[in-house]
C-alpha atoms as a PDB file:
ATOM      1  CA  UNK A   1      64.401 149.924  -1.087  1.00  0.00           C
ATOM      2  CA  UNK A   2      63.073 146.403  -0.625  1.00  0.00           C
ATOM      3  CA  UNK A   3      61.528 146.462  -4.103  1.00  0.00           C
ATOM      4  CA  UNK A   4      64.735 147.778  -5.629  1.00  0.00           C
ATOM      5  CA  UNK A   5      66.618 144.953  -3.946  1.00  0.00           C
ATOM      6  CA  UNK A   6      64.189 142.420  -5.363  1.00  0.00           C
ATOM      7  CA  UNK A   7      64.887 143.766  -8.847  1.00  0.00           C
ATOM      8  CA  UNK A   8      68.548 142.871  -8.489  1.00  0.00           C
ATOM      9  CA  UNK A   9      67.648 139.436  -7.124  1.00  0.00           C
ATOM     10  CA  UNK A  10      65.256 138.841 -10.016  1.00  0.00           C
ATOM     11  CA  UNK A  11      68.017 139.505 -12.493  1.00  0.00           C
ATOM     12  CA  UNK A  12      70.690 137.484 -10.725  1.00  0.00           C
ATOM     13  CA  UNK A  13      68.772 134.424  -9.604  1.00  0.00           C
ATOM     14  CA  UNK A  14      66.733 133.671 -12.702  1.00  0.00           C
ATOM     15  CA  UNK A  15      69.801 133.874 -14.888  1.00  0.00           C
ATOM     16  CA  UNK A  16      71.831 131.776 -12.431  1.00  0.00           C
ATOM     17  CA  UNK A  17      69.359 128.891 -12.642  1.00  0.00           C
ATOM     18  CA  UNK A  18      69.954 128.266 -16.299  1.00  0.00           C
ATOM     19  CA  UNK A  19      72.166 130.741 -18.110  1.00  0.00           C
ATOM     20  CA  UNK A  20      75.597 129.217 -17.517  1.00  0.00           C
ATOM     21  CA  UNK A  21      74.374 125.643 -17.766  1.00  0.00           C
ATOM     22  CA  UNK A  22      72.349 126.227 -20.912  1.00  0.00           C
ATOM     23  CA  UNK A  23      75.249 128.079 -22.501  1.00  0.00           C
ATOM     24  CA  UNK A  24      77.631 125.214 -21.743  1.00  0.00           C
ATOM     25  CA  UNK A  25      75.196 122.572 -22.987  1.00  0.00           C
ATOM     26  CA  UNK A  26      74.548 124.515 -26.172  1.00  0.00           C
ATOM     27  CA  UNK A  27      78.260 124.993 -26.727  1.00  0.00           C
ATOM     28  CA  UNK A  28      78.751 121.229 -26.817  1.00  0.00           C
ATOM     29  CA  UNK A  29      76.296 120.727 -29.674  1.00  0.00           C
ATOM     30  CA  UNK A  30      76.210 124.070 -31.452  1.00  0.00           C
ATOM     31  CA  UNK A  31      75.900 124.038 -35.207  1.00  0.00           C
ATOM     32  CA  UNK A  32      76.239 127.776 -35.668  1.00  0.00           C
ATOM     33  CA  UNK A  33      80.040 127.651 -35.936  1.00  0.00           C
ATOM     34  CA  UNK A  34      80.934 128.107 -39.631  1.00  0.00           C
ATOM     35  CA  UNK A  35      83.637 125.477 -39.321  1.00  0.00           C
ATOM     36  CA  UNK A  36      81.099 122.923 -38.131  1.00  0.00           C
ATOM     37  CA  UNK A  37      78.512 123.661 -40.789  1.00  0.00           C
ATOM     38  CA  UNK A  38      80.479 122.811 -43.899  1.00  0.00           C
ATOM     39  CA  UNK A  39      78.628 121.737 -47.021  1.00  0.00           C
ATOM     40  CA  UNK A  40      75.469 121.025 -45.022  1.00  0.00           C
ATOM     41  CA  UNK A  41      75.285 124.696 -44.118  1.00  0.00           C
ATOM     42  CA  UNK A  42      75.755 125.711 -47.746  1.00  0.00           C
ATOM     43  CA  UNK A  43      72.803 123.551 -48.766  1.00  0.00           C
ATOM     44  CA  UNK A  44      70.684 124.756 -45.833  1.00  0.00           C
ATOM     45  CA  UNK A  45      70.858 128.327 -47.098  1.00  0.00           C
ATOM     46  CA  UNK A  46      68.686 127.370 -50.053  1.00  0.00           C
ATOM     47  CA  UNK A  47      65.897 125.770 -48.016  1.00  0.00           C
ATOM     48  CA  UNK A  48      65.316 127.825 -44.888  1.00  0.00           C
ATOM     49  CA  UNK A  49      61.789 127.192 -43.634  1.00  0.00           C
ATOM     50  CA  UNK A  50      59.216 129.962 -43.408  1.00  0.00           C
ATOM     51  CA  UNK A  51      58.961 129.262 -39.658  1.00  0.00           C
ATOM     52  CA  UNK A  52      62.678 129.934 -39.211  1.00  0.00           C
ATOM     53  CA  UNK A  53      62.474 133.092 -41.319  1.00  0.00           C
ATOM     54  CA  UNK A  54      59.516 134.327 -39.272  1.00  0.00           C
ATOM     55  CA  UNK A  55      61.322 133.554 -36.013  1.00  0.00           C
ATOM     56  CA  UNK A  56      64.378 135.544 -37.065  1.00  0.00           C
ATOM     57  CA  UNK A  57      62.230 138.448 -38.248  1.00  0.00           C
ATOM     58  CA  UNK A  58      60.109 138.551 -35.087  1.00  0.00           C
ATOM     59  CA  UNK A  59      62.978 138.214 -32.611  1.00  0.00           C
ATOM     60  CA  UNK A  60      65.263 140.593 -34.485  1.00  0.00           C
ATOM     61  CA  UNK A  61      62.438 143.132 -34.618  1.00  0.00           C
ATOM     62  CA  UNK A  62      61.678 142.759 -30.904  1.00  0.00           C
ATOM     63  CA  UNK A  63      65.353 143.124 -30.007  1.00  0.00           C
ATOM     64  CA  UNK A  64      65.740 146.191 -32.201  1.00  0.00           C
ATOM     65  CA  UNK A  65      62.752 147.782 -30.506  1.00  0.00           C
ATOM     66  CA  UNK A  66      64.078 146.978 -27.022  1.00  0.00           C
ATOM     67  CA  UNK A  67      67.367 148.680 -27.852  1.00  0.00           C
ATOM     68  CA  UNK A  68      65.768 151.788 -29.355  1.00  0.00           C
ATOM     69  CA  UNK A  69      63.203 152.169 -26.577  1.00  0.00           C
ATOM     70  CA  UNK A  70      65.860 151.439 -23.970  1.00  0.00           C
ATOM     71  CA  UNK A  71      68.021 154.269 -25.246  1.00  0.00           C
ATOM     72  CA  UNK A  72      65.028 156.568 -25.078  1.00  0.00           C
ATOM     73  CA  UNK A  73      64.264 155.456 -21.523  1.00  0.00           C
ATOM     74  CA  UNK A  74      67.808 156.155 -20.303  1.00  0.00           C
ATOM     75  CA  UNK A  75      67.136 159.795 -21.187  1.00  0.00           C
ATOM     76  CA  UNK A  76      63.439 160.235 -20.343  1.00  0.00           C
ATOM     77  CA  UNK A  77      62.797 158.004 -17.319  1.00  0.00           C
ATOM     78  CA  UNK A  78      62.473 159.605 -13.888  1.00  0.00           C
ATOM     79  CA  UNK A  79      63.018 156.475 -11.778  1.00  0.00           C
ATOM     80  CA  UNK A  80      66.713 155.489 -11.504  1.00  0.00           C
ATOM     81  CA  UNK A  81      65.713 151.812 -11.469  1.00  0.00           C
ATOM     82  CA  UNK A  82      63.834 152.254 -14.737  1.00  0.00           C
ATOM     83  CA  UNK A  83      66.929 153.898 -16.196  1.00  0.00           C
ATOM     84  CA  UNK A  84      69.029 150.967 -14.982  1.00  0.00           C
ATOM     85  CA  UNK A  85      66.581 148.494 -16.511  1.00  0.00           C
ATOM     86  CA  UNK A  86      66.613 150.444 -19.784  1.00  0.00           C
ATOM     87  CA  UNK A  87      70.411 150.323 -19.997  1.00  0.00           C
ATOM     88  CA  UNK A  88      70.253 146.583 -19.389  1.00  0.00           C
ATOM     89  CA  UNK A  89      67.838 146.310 -22.335  1.00  0.00           C
ATOM     90  CA  UNK A  90      70.299 148.144 -24.559  1.00  0.00           C
ATOM     91  CA  UNK A  91      73.248 146.000 -23.497  1.00  0.00           C
ATOM     92  CA  UNK A  92      71.587 142.578 -23.401  1.00  0.00           C
ATOM     93  CA  UNK A  93      69.461 142.934 -26.529  1.00  0.00           C
ATOM     94  CA  UNK A  94      72.377 144.319 -28.514  1.00  0.00           C
ATOM     95  CA  UNK A  95      74.453 141.270 -27.579  1.00  0.00           C
ATOM     96  CA  UNK A  96      71.652 138.775 -28.278  1.00  0.00           C
ATOM     97  CA  UNK A  97      70.729 140.578 -31.495  1.00  0.00           C
ATOM     98  CA  UNK A  98      74.282 140.391 -32.778  1.00  0.00           C
ATOM     99  CA  UNK A  99      74.345 136.629 -32.201  1.00  0.00           C
ATOM    100  CA  UNK A 100      71.021 136.198 -33.979  1.00  0.00           C
ATOM    101  CA  UNK A 101      72.172 138.343 -36.895  1.00  0.00           C
ATOM    102  CA  UNK A 102      75.304 136.210 -37.221  1.00  0.00           C
ATOM    103  CA  UNK A 103      73.153 133.096 -37.620  1.00  0.00           C
ATOM    104  CA  UNK A 104      70.857 134.903 -40.056  1.00  0.00           C
ATOM    105  CA  UNK A 105      73.835 136.041 -42.106  1.00  0.00           C
ATOM    106  CA  UNK A 106      75.280 132.535 -42.175  1.00  0.00           C
ATOM    107  CA  UNK A 107      72.107 131.138 -43.715  1.00  0.00           C
ATOM    108  CA  UNK A 108      71.159 134.252 -45.724  1.00  0.00           C
ATOM    109  CA  UNK A 109      68.005 134.876 -43.693  1.00  0.00           C
ATOM    110  CA  UNK A 110      66.742 138.461 -44.080  1.00  0.00           C
ATOM    111  CA  UNK A 111      66.549 140.640 -40.977  1.00  0.00           C
ATOM    112  CA  UNK A 112      64.420 143.784 -40.650  1.00  0.00           C
ATOM    113  CA  UNK A 113      66.169 147.072 -41.319  1.00  0.00           C
ATOM    114  CA  UNK A 114      63.798 149.185 -39.235  1.00  0.00           C
ATOM    115  CA  UNK A 115      60.877 149.037 -36.840  1.00  0.00           C
ATOM    116  CA  UNK A 116      57.535 147.764 -38.056  1.00  0.00           C
ATOM    117  CA  UNK A 117      54.339 149.790 -37.614  1.00  0.00           C
ATOM    118  CA  UNK A 118      53.477 148.299 -34.222  1.00  0.00           C
ATOM    119  CA  UNK A 119      56.821 149.117 -32.627  1.00  0.00           C
ATOM    120  CA  UNK A 120      57.116 152.460 -34.405  1.00  0.00           C
ATOM    121  CA  UNK A 121      53.733 153.476 -32.984  1.00  0.00           C
ATOM    122  CA  UNK A 122      54.911 152.539 -29.493  1.00  0.00           C
ATOM    123  CA  UNK A 123      58.091 154.540 -29.947  1.00  0.00           C
ATOM    124  CA  UNK A 124      56.124 157.555 -31.166  1.00  0.00           C
ATOM    125  CA  UNK A 125      53.742 157.265 -28.212  1.00  0.00           C
ATOM    126  CA  UNK A 126      56.590 157.164 -25.695  1.00  0.00           C
ATOM    127  CA  UNK A 127      58.358 160.058 -27.402  1.00  0.00           C
ATOM    128  CA  UNK A 128      55.526 162.330 -26.273  1.00  0.00           C
ATOM    129  CA  UNK A 129      55.889 161.340 -22.606  1.00  0.00           C
ATOM    130  CA  UNK A 130      58.308 162.344 -19.858  1.00  0.00           C
ATOM    131  CA  UNK A 131      59.079 161.487 -16.225  1.00  0.00           C
ATOM    132  CA  UNK A 132      56.726 159.245 -14.189  1.00  0.00           C
ATOM    133  CA  UNK A 133      54.175 159.036 -17.015  1.00  0.00           C
ATOM    134  CA  UNK A 134      56.902 157.776 -19.340  1.00  0.00           C
ATOM    135  CA  UNK A 135      58.074 155.284 -16.705  1.00  0.00           C
ATOM    136  CA  UNK A 136      54.579 153.840 -16.318  1.00  0.00           C
ATOM    137  CA  UNK A 137      53.941 153.381 -20.035  1.00  0.00           C
ATOM    138  CA  UNK A 138      57.464 152.153 -20.773  1.00  0.00           C
ATOM    139  CA  UNK A 139      57.412 149.485 -18.080  1.00  0.00           C
ATOM    140  CA  UNK A 140      53.937 148.307 -19.100  1.00  0.00           C
ATOM    141  CA  UNK A 141      55.236 147.936 -22.651  1.00  0.00           C
ATOM    142  CA  UNK A 142      58.270 146.023 -21.387  1.00  0.00           C
ATOM    143  CA  UNK A 143      56.070 143.471 -19.619  1.00  0.00           C
ATOM    144  CA  UNK A 144      53.910 142.975 -22.711  1.00  0.00           C
ATOM    145  CA  UNK A 145      56.900 142.795 -25.030  1.00  0.00           C
ATOM    146  CA  UNK A 146      58.854 140.308 -22.950  1.00  0.00           C
ATOM    147  CA  UNK A 147      55.822 138.076 -22.468  1.00  0.00           C
ATOM    148  CA  UNK A 148      55.508 137.871 -26.243  1.00  0.00           C
ATOM    149  CA  UNK A 149      59.221 137.235 -26.738  1.00  0.00           C
ATOM    150  CA  UNK A 150      59.254 134.640 -23.959  1.00  0.00           C
ATOM    151  CA  UNK A 151      56.510 132.669 -25.686  1.00  0.00           C
ATOM    152  CA  UNK A 152      58.297 132.699 -29.039  1.00  0.00           C
ATOM    153  CA  UNK A 153      61.632 131.684 -27.519  1.00  0.00           C
ATOM    154  CA  UNK A 154      60.052 129.006 -25.322  1.00  0.00           C
ATOM    155  CA  UNK A 155      58.605 127.331 -28.425  1.00  0.00           C
ATOM    156  CA  UNK A 156      62.180 126.492 -29.426  1.00  0.00           C
ATOM    157  CA  UNK A 157      63.144 124.877 -26.108  1.00  0.00           C
ATOM    158  CA  UNK A 158      63.011 121.224 -25.100  1.00  0.00           C
ATOM    159  CA  UNK A 159      59.926 120.827 -22.906  1.00  0.00           C
ATOM    160  CA  UNK A 160      61.205 117.865 -20.861  1.00  0.00           C
ATOM    161  CA  UNK A 161      62.941 119.906 -18.165  1.00  0.00           C
ATOM    162  CA  UNK A 162      61.332 123.299 -18.782  1.00  0.00           C
ATOM    163  CA  UNK A 163      58.749 122.953 -15.996  1.00  0.00           C
ATOM    164  CA  UNK A 164      61.454 121.991 -13.523  1.00  0.00           C
ATOM    165  CA  UNK A 165      63.587 124.940 -14.618  1.00  0.00           C
ATOM    166  CA  UNK A 166      60.691 127.335 -14.057  1.00  0.00           C
ATOM    167  CA  UNK A 167      60.067 125.881 -10.592  1.00  0.00           C
ATOM    168  CA  UNK A 168      63.725 126.304  -9.653  1.00  0.00           C
ATOM    169  CA  UNK A 169      63.692 129.890 -10.912  1.00  0.00           C
ATOM    170  CA  UNK A 170      60.530 130.671  -8.942  1.00  0.00           C
ATOM    171  CA  UNK A 171      61.997 129.097  -5.806  1.00  0.00           C
ATOM    172  CA  UNK A 172      65.114 131.210  -6.107  1.00  0.00           C
ATOM    173  CA  UNK A 173      63.102 134.384  -6.549  1.00  0.00           C
ATOM    174  CA  UNK A 174      60.897 133.610  -3.559  1.00  0.00           C
ATOM    175  CA  UNK A 175      63.815 132.508  -1.408  1.00  0.00           C
ATOM    176  CA  UNK A 176      62.186 129.133  -0.740  1.00  0.00           C
ATOM    177  CA  UNK A 177      65.063 127.110  -2.070  1.00  0.00           C
ATOM    178  CA  UNK A 178      68.630 127.655  -3.211  1.00  0.00           C
ATOM    179  CA  UNK A 179      69.571 125.396  -6.105  1.00  0.00           C
ATOM    180  CA  UNK A 180      73.250 124.601  -6.446  1.00  0.00           C
ATOM    181  CA  UNK A 181      74.418 125.754  -9.854  1.00  0.00           C
ATOM    182  CA  UNK A 182      76.041 122.384 -10.609  1.00  0.00           C
ATOM    183  CA  UNK A 183      72.683 120.667 -10.028  1.00  0.00           C
ATOM    184  CA  UNK A 184      70.466 123.244 -11.681  1.00  0.00           C
ATOM    185  CA  UNK A 185      68.239 122.098 -14.507  1.00  0.00           C
ATOM    186  CA  UNK A 186      69.588 123.196 -17.866  1.00  0.00           C
ATOM    187  CA  UNK A 187      67.639 124.978 -20.566  1.00  0.00           C
ATOM    188  CA  UNK A 188      68.108 122.813 -23.640  1.00  0.00           C
ATOM    189  CA  UNK A 189      67.186 123.517 -27.247  1.00  0.00           C
ATOM    190  CA  UNK A 190      64.494 121.486 -28.939  1.00  0.00           C
ATOM    191  CA  UNK A 191      66.210 118.916 -31.139  1.00  0.00           C
ATOM    192  CA  UNK A 192      65.929 119.211 -34.902  1.00  0.00           C
ATOM    193  CA  UNK A 193      67.560 117.501 -37.874  1.00  0.00           C
ATOM    194  CA  UNK A 194      67.392 120.785 -39.768  1.00  0.00           C
ATOM    195  CA  UNK A 195      70.699 122.566 -39.269  1.00  0.00           C
ATOM    196  CA  UNK A 196      69.188 126.052 -39.514  1.00  0.00           C
ATOM    197  CA  UNK A 197      66.356 125.264 -37.110  1.00  0.00           C
ATOM    198  CA  UNK A 198      68.804 123.712 -34.655  1.00  0.00           C
ATOM    199  CA  UNK A 199      71.045 126.775 -34.763  1.00  0.00           C
ATOM    200  CA  UNK A 200      68.083 129.013 -33.941  1.00  0.00           C
ATOM    201  CA  UNK A 201      66.884 126.652 -31.224  1.00  0.00           C
ATOM    202  CA  UNK A 202      70.322 126.801 -29.622  1.00  0.00           C
ATOM    203  CA  UNK A 203      70.220 130.595 -29.712  1.00  0.00           C
ATOM    204  CA  UNK A 204      66.786 130.481 -28.088  1.00  0.00           C
ATOM    205  CA  UNK A 205      67.961 128.159 -25.291  1.00  0.00           C
ATOM    206  CA  UNK A 206      70.855 130.481 -24.490  1.00  0.00           C
ATOM    207  CA  UNK A 207      68.614 133.566 -24.575  1.00  0.00           C
ATOM    208  CA  UNK A 208      65.688 132.162 -22.576  1.00  0.00           C
ATOM    209  CA  UNK A 209      67.024 132.598 -18.999  1.00  0.00           C
ATOM    210  CA  UNK A 210      67.911 136.215 -19.732  1.00  0.00           C
ATOM    211  CA  UNK A 211      64.510 136.886 -21.299  1.00  0.00           C
ATOM    212  CA  UNK A 212      62.846 135.468 -18.196  1.00  0.00           C
ATOM    213  CA  UNK A 213      65.031 137.595 -15.928  1.00  0.00           C
ATOM    214  CA  UNK A 214      64.056 140.671 -17.916  1.00  0.00           C
ATOM    215  CA  UNK A 215      60.381 139.740 -17.664  1.00  0.00           C
ATOM    216  CA  UNK A 216      60.500 139.252 -13.891  1.00  0.00           C
ATOM    217  CA  UNK A 217      62.335 142.546 -13.404  1.00  0.00           C
ATOM    218  CA  UNK A 218      59.876 144.339 -15.698  1.00  0.00           C
ATOM    219  CA  UNK A 219      56.933 143.007 -13.700  1.00  0.00           C
ATOM    220  CA  UNK A 220      58.450 144.264 -10.442  1.00  0.00           C
ATOM    221  CA  UNK A 221      59.081 147.743 -11.825  1.00  0.00           C
ATOM    222  CA  UNK A 222      55.712 147.869 -13.548  1.00  0.00           C
ATOM    223  CA  UNK A 223      53.904 147.185 -10.268  1.00  0.00           C
ATOM    224  CA  UNK A 224      55.962 149.861  -8.564  1.00  0.00           C
ATOM    225  CA  UNK A 225      55.122 152.453 -11.220  1.00  0.00           C
ATOM    226  CA  UNK A 226      51.418 151.671 -10.994  1.00  0.00           C
ATOM    227  CA  UNK A 227      51.464 152.221  -7.215  1.00  0.00           C
ATOM    228  CA  UNK A 228      53.282 155.533  -7.609  1.00  0.00           C
ATOM    229  CA  UNK A 229      50.812 156.910 -10.158  1.00  0.00           C
ATOM    230  CA  UNK A 230      47.571 155.650  -8.545  1.00  0.00           C
END
């Protein structure tokens, strides 16, 4: 019961540290609104960097996998908390994926149509499992996957206040300190003069607190599943 309660806290407190603030800050400077892009956006479509294309491909692929595996987990998982986590993956990654696809569409950046070999192999592996064994392997995969995604998203965030944001999030999770939302450190996108890069950085800054909340929750559940099967 205590561990299940911590899962809810992990989701609520990490997001509370930066989600609303980062969303508001991004909204003030966003360049992903078609009305704000104008002729600059038209020109940007013809010179999207390989780094931006790779970012869209990698994050769209990861999100697609989270949704597909999450749907599988809502049916196969034995632990109700794993099922709850899986449904959260479906809901949150669908929403984030739709926002990323909108940016990709605006700048004619290709997005993957299906899972790559790595994620397809994971799906096929999990398809053969059921119950507690499925829970253990699924949650281990969720920790690994979110650690990878976190690193890619973090590379698009302004580093000035990132350390402070992480400290505030850790303090909330541990109960050491309650940070007033109005004073919480914001997650800000890394600045760029490239309109496409800036749009993706803004998406990353908005997504980062949620990714971190998912990662913390996945770690909690993963530890629980390991104890149950050892």
